[in-house]
N, C-alpha and C. Protein backbone atom coordinates (compact mmCIF):
# COMPACT_ATOMS: atom_id res chain seq x y z
N LEU A 1 71.40 106.47 192.66
CA LEU A 1 70.63 105.00 192.64
C LEU A 1 69.41 105.03 193.44
N SER A 2 69.60 105.54 194.93
CA SER A 2 68.54 105.45 195.94
C SER A 2 67.59 106.67 195.65
N GLY A 3 68.00 107.81 194.97
CA GLY A 3 67.11 108.78 194.82
C GLY A 3 67.08 109.89 196.06
N ASP A 4 68.19 109.75 196.87
CA ASP A 4 68.06 110.65 198.06
C ASP A 4 68.86 111.88 197.52
N GLY A 5 69.43 112.13 196.50
CA GLY A 5 70.29 113.13 196.16
C GLY A 5 71.74 113.09 196.63
N LEU A 6 72.15 112.05 197.16
CA LEU A 6 73.54 111.75 197.60
C LEU A 6 74.14 110.72 196.87
N ALA A 7 75.45 110.66 196.47
CA ALA A 7 76.06 109.87 195.64
C ALA A 7 75.98 108.35 196.44
N ASP A 8 75.78 107.43 195.55
CA ASP A 8 75.77 106.13 195.96
C ASP A 8 76.86 105.10 195.49
N ARG A 9 77.49 105.56 194.28
CA ARG A 9 78.45 104.55 193.64
C ARG A 9 79.54 105.50 193.02
N MET A 10 80.58 104.95 192.99
CA MET A 10 81.79 105.61 192.09
C MET A 10 82.59 104.51 191.48
N TYR A 11 82.89 104.68 190.17
CA TYR A 11 83.89 104.07 189.36
C TYR A 11 85.00 104.74 189.12
N VAL A 12 86.09 103.91 189.28
CA VAL A 12 87.59 104.64 189.02
C VAL A 12 88.50 103.77 188.26
N GLY A 13 89.13 104.43 187.24
CA GLY A 13 90.26 103.71 186.60
C GLY A 13 91.57 104.05 187.18
N ASP A 14 92.70 103.28 187.20
CA ASP A 14 93.88 103.79 187.69
C ASP A 14 95.09 103.54 186.76
N MET A 15 96.18 104.04 187.22
CA MET A 15 97.40 103.95 186.28
C MET A 15 98.02 102.50 186.10
N GLY A 16 97.43 101.46 186.72
CA GLY A 16 97.81 100.19 186.65
C GLY A 16 96.85 99.47 185.72
N GLY A 17 95.87 100.00 185.16
CA GLY A 17 94.79 99.49 184.30
C GLY A 17 93.93 98.56 185.10
N ARG A 18 93.55 99.04 186.22
CA ARG A 18 92.46 98.56 187.06
C ARG A 18 91.22 99.33 187.16
N VAL A 19 90.06 98.83 187.10
CA VAL A 19 88.87 99.67 187.33
C VAL A 19 88.20 99.14 188.53
N TRP A 20 88.01 100.31 189.39
CA TRP A 20 87.46 100.00 190.83
C TRP A 20 85.94 100.46 190.77
N ARG A 21 85.32 99.89 191.70
CA ARG A 21 83.97 99.98 191.91
C ARG A 21 83.71 100.28 193.53
N PHE A 22 83.21 101.29 194.05
CA PHE A 22 82.95 101.74 195.32
C PHE A 22 81.59 102.03 195.63
N ASP A 23 80.98 101.33 196.69
CA ASP A 23 79.53 101.53 196.87
C ASP A 23 79.59 102.57 198.30
N ILE A 24 78.91 103.64 198.42
CA ILE A 24 78.69 104.69 199.49
C ILE A 24 77.52 104.22 200.21
N TRP A 25 77.64 103.94 201.52
CA TRP A 25 76.67 103.52 202.50
C TRP A 25 76.25 104.87 203.13
N ASN A 26 75.58 105.83 202.68
CA ASN A 26 75.03 107.01 203.28
C ASN A 26 74.53 106.89 204.64
N GLY A 27 74.91 107.79 205.65
CA GLY A 27 74.54 107.63 207.00
C GLY A 27 75.18 106.52 207.83
N GLN A 28 76.17 105.90 207.39
CA GLN A 28 77.00 105.09 208.26
C GLN A 28 78.20 105.75 208.73
N ALA A 29 78.79 105.13 209.68
CA ALA A 29 80.01 105.80 210.47
C ALA A 29 81.10 105.70 209.25
N ALA A 30 82.09 106.63 209.61
CA ALA A 30 83.32 106.84 208.62
C ALA A 30 83.90 105.37 208.35
N SER A 31 83.97 104.50 209.36
CA SER A 31 84.48 103.28 209.20
C SER A 31 84.01 102.41 208.29
N SER A 32 82.65 102.51 208.07
CA SER A 32 81.86 101.76 207.20
C SER A 32 81.06 102.47 206.13
N LEU A 33 81.49 103.59 205.78
CA LEU A 33 80.99 104.39 204.72
C LEU A 33 81.03 103.97 203.55
N VAL A 34 82.26 103.47 203.02
CA VAL A 34 82.53 103.04 201.64
C VAL A 34 83.09 101.58 201.77
N THR A 35 82.44 100.68 200.73
CA THR A 35 82.84 99.55 200.48
C THR A 35 83.35 99.39 199.01
N GLY A 36 84.37 98.61 198.63
CA GLY A 36 84.69 98.47 197.29
C GLY A 36 85.86 97.62 196.95
N GLY A 37 86.33 97.75 195.64
CA GLY A 37 87.36 96.79 195.24
C GLY A 37 87.40 96.79 193.69
N VAL A 38 88.54 96.00 193.32
CA VAL A 38 88.91 96.00 191.98
C VAL A 38 87.57 95.07 191.06
N ASN A 39 87.04 95.78 190.09
CA ASN A 39 86.10 95.11 189.34
C ASN A 39 86.74 94.58 188.21
N ALA A 40 87.76 95.17 187.61
CA ALA A 40 88.50 94.69 186.34
C ALA A 40 89.89 94.81 186.40
N ARG A 41 90.77 93.90 186.07
CA ARG A 41 92.20 94.16 186.03
C ARG A 41 92.53 93.90 184.47
N LEU A 42 92.74 95.11 183.88
CA LEU A 42 92.92 95.05 182.46
C LEU A 42 94.47 95.57 181.99
N GLY A 43 95.14 95.71 182.94
CA GLY A 43 96.60 96.05 182.79
C GLY A 43 97.68 95.38 183.51
N ALA A 44 98.82 95.89 183.91
CA ALA A 44 99.78 95.25 184.54
C ALA A 44 99.72 95.57 186.04
N GLY A 45 98.86 96.49 186.49
CA GLY A 45 99.02 96.94 187.95
C GLY A 45 98.68 95.68 188.98
N GLY A 46 99.43 95.57 189.88
CA GLY A 46 99.41 94.66 190.80
C GLY A 46 99.75 93.25 190.35
N ILE A 47 100.35 93.05 189.18
CA ILE A 47 100.76 91.71 188.60
C ILE A 47 102.23 91.87 188.39
N ALA A 48 103.10 91.10 189.25
CA ALA A 48 104.57 90.95 189.16
C ALA A 48 104.81 90.32 188.02
N GLY A 49 105.99 91.06 187.17
CA GLY A 49 106.40 90.27 185.92
C GLY A 49 105.34 90.41 184.85
N ALA A 50 104.59 91.24 184.84
CA ALA A 50 103.64 91.58 183.69
C ALA A 50 104.27 92.11 182.37
N PRO A 51 103.93 91.67 181.19
CA PRO A 51 104.66 92.06 180.00
C PRO A 51 104.38 93.50 179.90
N ARG A 52 105.40 94.16 179.20
CA ARG A 52 105.41 95.72 178.92
C ARG A 52 104.09 95.98 178.15
N GLU A 53 103.62 95.16 177.17
CA GLU A 53 102.39 95.64 176.38
C GLU A 53 101.23 95.85 177.26
N ALA A 54 101.22 95.20 178.44
CA ALA A 54 99.95 95.15 179.15
C ALA A 54 99.96 96.25 180.30
N ALA A 55 101.10 97.28 180.06
CA ALA A 55 101.24 98.38 180.93
C ALA A 55 100.29 99.51 180.65
N ARG A 56 98.93 99.18 180.79
CA ARG A 56 97.77 100.14 180.16
C ARG A 56 97.62 101.15 181.29
N ARG A 57 97.24 102.22 181.09
CA ARG A 57 97.04 103.21 182.13
C ARG A 57 95.54 104.00 181.83
N PHE A 58 94.87 104.07 182.82
CA PHE A 58 93.53 104.86 182.58
C PHE A 58 93.91 106.47 183.17
N TYR A 59 93.88 107.46 182.38
CA TYR A 59 93.94 108.64 182.77
C TYR A 59 92.52 109.43 182.90
N ASN A 60 91.51 108.79 182.35
CA ASN A 60 90.06 109.49 182.40
C ASN A 60 89.08 108.67 183.10
N ALA A 61 88.20 109.52 183.68
CA ALA A 61 87.17 108.80 184.47
C ALA A 61 86.24 107.87 183.45
N PRO A 62 85.85 106.75 183.89
CA PRO A 62 84.79 105.91 182.99
C PRO A 62 83.50 106.62 182.77
N ASP A 63 83.18 106.54 181.54
CA ASP A 63 81.78 107.18 181.15
C ASP A 63 80.74 105.99 181.45
N VAL A 64 79.89 106.30 182.42
CA VAL A 64 78.86 105.33 182.94
C VAL A 64 77.56 105.61 182.22
N ALA A 65 76.95 104.63 181.67
CA ALA A 65 75.70 104.89 181.15
C ALA A 65 74.66 103.61 181.41
N ILE A 66 73.51 103.82 181.80
CA ILE A 66 72.69 102.59 181.99
C ILE A 66 72.23 102.21 180.62
N ILE A 67 72.15 101.02 180.42
CA ILE A 67 71.71 100.13 179.26
C ILE A 67 70.51 99.29 179.62
N GLN A 68 69.29 99.29 178.98
CA GLN A 68 68.15 98.43 179.15
C GLN A 68 67.68 98.11 177.78
N ARG A 69 68.23 96.92 177.31
CA ARG A 69 67.61 96.27 175.99
C ARG A 69 66.42 95.70 176.27
N ARG A 70 65.36 95.61 175.50
CA ARG A 70 64.19 95.12 175.42
C ARG A 70 64.43 93.57 175.65
N GLY A 71 63.66 93.02 176.86
CA GLY A 71 63.72 91.72 177.26
C GLY A 71 65.00 91.30 177.95
N SER A 72 65.90 92.22 178.46
CA SER A 72 67.06 92.02 179.17
C SER A 72 67.15 92.82 180.41
N ASN A 73 67.94 92.24 181.44
CA ASN A 73 68.27 93.04 182.51
C ASN A 73 69.12 94.38 182.40
N PRO A 74 68.60 95.41 183.10
CA PRO A 74 69.56 96.53 182.85
C PRO A 74 70.94 96.41 183.43
N PHE A 75 71.94 97.20 182.88
CA PHE A 75 73.28 97.08 183.46
C PHE A 75 73.89 98.49 183.22
N PHE A 76 74.97 98.67 184.10
CA PHE A 76 75.79 99.97 183.74
C PHE A 76 76.67 99.64 182.87
N ASN A 77 76.97 100.36 181.75
CA ASN A 77 78.10 100.29 180.82
C ASN A 77 79.06 101.16 181.24
N LEU A 78 80.39 100.87 181.36
CA LEU A 78 81.54 101.70 181.71
C LEU A 78 82.61 101.49 180.58
N ALA A 79 82.67 102.74 179.95
CA ALA A 79 83.52 102.85 178.76
C ALA A 79 84.72 103.73 179.17
N LEU A 80 85.87 103.29 178.73
CA LEU A 80 87.12 104.03 179.12
C LEU A 80 88.11 103.48 178.23
N GLY A 81 89.26 104.12 177.88
CA GLY A 81 90.22 103.74 177.19
C GLY A 81 91.81 103.99 177.73
N SER A 82 92.69 103.31 177.25
CA SER A 82 94.10 103.41 178.00
C SER A 82 94.84 104.27 177.09
N GLY A 83 95.92 104.86 177.46
CA GLY A 83 96.95 105.62 176.72
C GLY A 83 98.00 106.07 177.72
N TYR A 84 99.33 106.09 177.53
CA TYR A 84 100.30 106.76 178.40
C TYR A 84 100.55 108.06 177.93
N ARG A 85 99.77 108.95 178.52
CA ARG A 85 100.01 110.53 178.12
C ARG A 85 101.23 111.11 178.26
N GLY A 86 102.02 110.46 179.41
CA GLY A 86 103.43 111.06 179.64
C GLY A 86 104.37 110.82 178.68
N HIS A 87 104.17 109.72 177.76
CA HIS A 87 105.01 109.55 176.78
C HIS A 87 104.17 109.22 175.50
N PRO A 88 103.73 110.09 174.90
CA PRO A 88 102.77 109.90 173.74
C PRO A 88 103.25 109.29 172.57
N LEU A 89 104.40 109.28 172.38
CA LEU A 89 105.11 108.44 171.22
C LEU A 89 105.52 106.94 171.53
N GLU A 90 105.40 106.71 172.88
CA GLU A 90 105.55 105.23 173.26
C GLU A 90 104.58 104.38 172.44
N SER A 91 105.11 103.16 171.98
CA SER A 91 104.34 102.26 171.18
C SER A 91 104.58 101.00 171.51
N ASP A 92 105.31 100.64 172.69
CA ASP A 92 105.30 99.25 173.31
C ASP A 92 103.94 98.60 173.83
N THR A 93 103.18 99.66 174.42
CA THR A 93 101.83 99.00 175.15
C THR A 93 101.02 98.92 174.16
N GLN A 94 100.15 97.77 174.36
CA GLN A 94 98.91 97.62 173.48
C GLN A 94 97.82 98.29 174.21
N ASP A 95 97.50 99.57 173.81
CA ASP A 95 96.36 100.16 174.35
C ASP A 95 95.12 99.95 173.78
N ARG A 96 94.08 100.02 174.58
CA ARG A 96 92.78 99.63 174.12
C ARG A 96 91.63 100.39 174.53
N PHE A 97 90.42 100.22 173.96
CA PHE A 97 89.25 100.96 174.52
C PHE A 97 88.28 99.78 174.94
N TYR A 98 87.81 99.98 176.14
CA TYR A 98 87.04 98.92 176.73
C TYR A 98 85.56 99.35 177.15
N SER A 99 84.56 98.44 177.01
CA SER A 99 83.36 98.74 177.33
C SER A 99 82.95 97.68 178.37
N LEU A 100 82.65 97.90 179.67
CA LEU A 100 82.68 96.85 180.58
C LEU A 100 81.11 96.85 181.06
N ARG A 101 80.65 95.82 181.51
CA ARG A 101 79.26 95.72 182.05
C ARG A 101 79.32 95.33 183.61
N ASP A 102 78.58 96.26 184.26
CA ASP A 102 78.14 95.95 185.77
C ASP A 102 76.89 95.50 185.96
N HIS A 103 76.75 94.20 185.92
CA HIS A 103 75.45 93.67 185.93
C HIS A 103 74.56 93.87 187.18
N LEU A 104 75.00 94.40 188.26
CA LEU A 104 74.41 94.58 189.41
C LEU A 104 74.27 96.27 189.43
N PRO A 105 73.56 96.78 188.69
CA PRO A 105 73.50 98.32 188.73
C PRO A 105 72.89 98.97 189.95
N PHE A 106 71.98 98.24 190.60
CA PHE A 106 71.11 98.83 191.81
C PHE A 106 71.44 98.11 193.13
N THR A 107 72.39 97.24 192.99
CA THR A 107 72.80 96.48 194.32
C THR A 107 74.10 96.83 194.87
N LYS A 108 74.03 97.19 196.02
CA LYS A 108 75.32 97.46 196.83
C LYS A 108 75.88 96.23 197.38
N ARG A 109 77.17 96.17 197.38
CA ARG A 109 78.03 95.16 197.85
C ARG A 109 78.64 95.44 199.38
N THR A 110 78.73 94.41 200.23
CA THR A 110 79.31 94.67 201.16
C THR A 110 80.97 94.26 201.04
N GLN A 111 81.84 94.80 201.96
CA GLN A 111 83.16 94.60 201.70
C GLN A 111 83.55 93.03 201.64
N THR A 112 82.92 92.26 202.21
CA THR A 112 83.11 90.67 202.13
C THR A 112 82.72 90.43 200.74
N GLN A 113 81.71 90.81 200.18
CA GLN A 113 81.18 90.50 198.78
C GLN A 113 82.41 91.06 197.80
N TYR A 114 82.76 92.25 198.01
CA TYR A 114 84.01 92.76 197.20
C TYR A 114 85.08 91.76 197.23
N ASP A 115 85.57 91.51 198.53
CA ASP A 115 86.74 90.67 198.78
C ASP A 115 86.51 89.30 198.08
N ALA A 116 85.32 88.81 197.85
CA ALA A 116 85.31 87.62 197.03
C ALA A 116 85.15 87.56 195.44
N ILE A 117 85.17 88.74 195.07
CA ILE A 117 85.03 88.94 193.51
C ILE A 117 86.26 88.62 192.59
N THR A 118 86.15 88.01 191.83
CA THR A 118 87.10 87.65 190.78
C THR A 118 87.06 88.53 189.79
N PRO A 119 87.97 89.52 189.71
CA PRO A 119 87.99 90.77 188.67
C PRO A 119 87.85 90.24 187.11
N THR A 120 87.29 90.87 186.30
CA THR A 120 87.24 90.90 185.00
C THR A 120 88.53 91.11 184.31
N VAL A 121 89.18 90.23 183.46
CA VAL A 121 90.48 90.40 182.84
C VAL A 121 90.15 90.73 181.35
N ASP A 122 91.25 91.11 180.78
CA ASP A 122 91.31 91.40 179.30
C ASP A 122 90.97 90.40 178.37
N GLY A 123 91.32 89.06 178.79
CA GLY A 123 90.96 87.69 178.06
C GLY A 123 89.31 87.38 177.96
N ASN A 124 88.73 88.04 179.20
CA ASN A 124 87.29 87.75 179.19
C ASN A 124 86.45 88.61 178.43
N LEU A 125 86.90 89.43 177.85
CA LEU A 125 86.39 90.61 176.88
C LEU A 125 86.16 90.01 175.35
N VAL A 126 85.09 90.37 174.76
CA VAL A 126 85.07 90.10 173.46
C VAL A 126 85.68 91.11 172.56
N ASP A 127 86.52 90.63 171.65
CA ASP A 127 87.65 91.46 170.84
C ASP A 127 86.53 91.87 169.63
N VAL A 128 86.17 93.26 169.55
CA VAL A 128 85.34 93.70 168.45
C VAL A 128 86.08 94.64 167.47
N THR A 129 87.43 94.45 167.66
CA THR A 129 88.34 95.32 166.67
C THR A 129 87.94 95.38 165.28
N THR A 130 87.65 94.16 164.70
CA THR A 130 87.25 94.19 163.29
C THR A 130 85.75 93.96 163.15
N ASN A 131 85.21 93.81 164.25
CA ASN A 131 83.57 93.70 163.95
C ASN A 131 82.89 94.54 165.10
N VAL A 132 82.72 95.78 165.08
CA VAL A 132 82.19 96.61 166.03
C VAL A 132 80.62 96.37 166.28
N ASN A 133 80.14 95.55 165.41
CA ASN A 133 78.56 95.48 165.42
C ASN A 133 78.44 93.90 166.14
N ALA A 134 79.43 93.32 166.55
CA ALA A 134 79.14 91.91 167.10
C ALA A 134 78.11 91.98 168.12
N THR A 135 77.44 90.82 168.22
CA THR A 135 76.46 90.67 169.19
C THR A 135 76.96 90.00 170.43
N LEU A 136 76.75 90.39 171.42
CA LEU A 136 77.27 89.90 172.91
C LEU A 136 76.18 89.42 173.50
N SER A 137 76.35 88.20 174.28
CA SER A 137 75.28 87.68 175.11
C SER A 137 74.99 88.56 176.10
N ASP A 138 73.85 88.39 176.94
CA ASP A 138 73.20 89.20 178.00
C ASP A 138 74.55 89.04 179.24
N SER A 139 75.12 87.96 179.31
CA SER A 139 75.86 87.66 180.40
C SER A 139 77.24 88.12 180.18
N SER A 140 77.62 88.66 179.18
CA SER A 140 78.94 89.11 178.63
C SER A 140 79.43 90.17 179.60
N PRO A 141 80.82 90.01 180.03
CA PRO A 141 81.29 91.22 180.92
C PRO A 141 81.73 92.34 179.98
N GLY A 142 81.70 92.28 178.72
CA GLY A 142 81.84 93.65 177.91
C GLY A 142 82.92 93.27 176.61
N TRP A 143 83.11 94.21 176.12
CA TRP A 143 84.08 94.29 174.98
C TRP A 143 85.36 95.07 174.93
N LYS A 144 86.27 94.88 173.96
CA LYS A 144 87.41 95.64 173.71
C LYS A 144 87.71 96.00 172.15
N ILE A 145 88.34 96.93 171.99
CA ILE A 145 88.98 97.38 170.71
C ILE A 145 90.54 97.53 170.97
N LEU A 146 91.17 96.75 170.23
CA LEU A 146 92.75 97.04 170.19
C LEU A 146 93.02 98.19 169.35
N LEU A 147 93.65 99.04 169.91
CA LEU A 147 94.20 100.30 169.07
C LEU A 147 95.34 100.32 168.36
N ASN A 148 96.31 99.70 168.95
CA ASN A 148 97.61 99.61 168.12
C ASN A 148 98.02 98.18 168.02
N ASP A 149 97.40 97.62 167.15
CA ASP A 149 97.62 96.18 166.88
C ASP A 149 98.61 95.58 165.89
N GLY A 150 99.53 96.70 165.67
CA GLY A 150 100.48 96.33 164.76
C GLY A 150 100.17 96.89 163.30
N GLY A 151 99.13 97.77 163.17
CA GLY A 151 98.68 98.05 161.80
C GLY A 151 99.42 99.55 161.80
N SER A 152 98.73 100.45 160.94
CA SER A 152 99.28 101.67 160.56
C SER A 152 99.25 102.65 161.87
N TRP A 153 98.41 102.27 162.91
CA TRP A 153 98.13 103.29 163.72
C TRP A 153 98.94 102.79 165.12
N LEU A 154 100.27 102.32 164.98
CA LEU A 154 101.07 101.95 166.08
C LEU A 154 101.16 103.06 166.99
N GLY A 155 100.94 102.99 168.34
CA GLY A 155 101.08 103.88 169.25
C GLY A 155 99.72 104.83 169.50
N GLU A 156 98.74 104.23 169.04
CA GLU A 156 97.41 105.14 169.08
C GLU A 156 96.94 104.89 170.62
N LYS A 157 96.44 106.00 171.21
CA LYS A 157 95.99 106.07 172.59
C LYS A 157 94.74 106.75 172.63
N VAL A 158 93.91 106.57 173.63
CA VAL A 158 92.69 107.44 173.99
C VAL A 158 93.05 108.66 174.67
N LEU A 159 92.72 109.56 174.15
CA LEU A 159 93.05 111.05 174.66
C LEU A 159 92.28 111.76 175.74
N ALA A 160 90.94 111.30 176.02
CA ALA A 160 90.18 111.96 176.67
C ALA A 160 88.80 110.90 177.12
N GLU A 161 88.05 111.58 177.98
CA GLU A 161 86.85 110.78 178.42
C GLU A 161 86.01 110.33 176.96
N SER A 162 85.36 109.12 177.17
CA SER A 162 84.26 108.89 176.00
C SER A 162 82.91 109.42 176.50
N VAL A 163 82.17 109.62 175.60
CA VAL A 163 80.80 110.08 175.89
C VAL A 163 79.80 109.15 175.25
N THR A 164 78.58 108.59 175.94
CA THR A 164 77.83 107.71 175.42
C THR A 164 76.49 108.52 174.89
N VAL A 165 76.20 108.40 173.78
CA VAL A 165 74.94 109.18 173.20
C VAL A 165 74.06 108.49 172.61
N ALA A 166 72.76 108.12 173.04
CA ALA A 166 71.81 107.33 172.35
C ALA A 166 72.35 105.80 171.92
N GLY A 167 73.08 105.35 172.86
CA GLY A 167 73.60 103.85 172.71
C GLY A 167 75.06 103.93 172.00
N ALA A 168 75.40 105.06 171.49
CA ALA A 168 76.73 105.07 170.64
C ALA A 168 77.77 105.64 171.66
N ILE A 169 79.15 105.11 171.78
CA ILE A 169 80.10 105.63 172.35
C ILE A 169 81.01 106.20 171.50
N LEU A 170 81.29 107.61 171.75
CA LEU A 170 82.26 108.32 171.03
C LEU A 170 83.62 108.56 172.11
N PHE A 171 84.68 108.46 171.28
CA PHE A 171 85.93 108.64 172.07
C PHE A 171 87.11 109.22 171.18
N PRO A 172 87.73 110.02 171.40
CA PRO A 172 89.12 110.51 170.64
C PRO A 172 90.39 109.62 170.98
N THR A 173 91.11 109.44 169.81
CA THR A 173 92.44 108.78 169.94
C THR A 173 93.39 109.67 169.03
């Protein structure tokens, strides 16, 4: 981001269905080198009594691509999908593919700012399962595709990292 050849940002998905963002403050002491927190809470992680169908797990790193549409502000698009690899035939969890937007792609946050964030949740995202060409507003936090929604693909899971090429996101299930 800063052009100094050092990492400035990290995004991570975890086994609880959370997506984390971390900013790296290069040149700072170890105690203040990294700030961060949960940007999205898309599964059952950290939620007591969450239903089994929400037990989404992210095994792959988010695919991050910068998107700049004519007349709009740029954003980082984070694409990742869930799937319980340890139990490939498990079909209780409603796995999904997500495309999340980070509307502050070039702004670092302090830890106080991270602590004040309300994470994006599954219900905030536009469901494009039946209309992958849906139009989203510039302020939208992103979209989702329901993989195993009771149809013939019961138990479908994302198997590897996605790749964004020329504005199209490719992912294996």
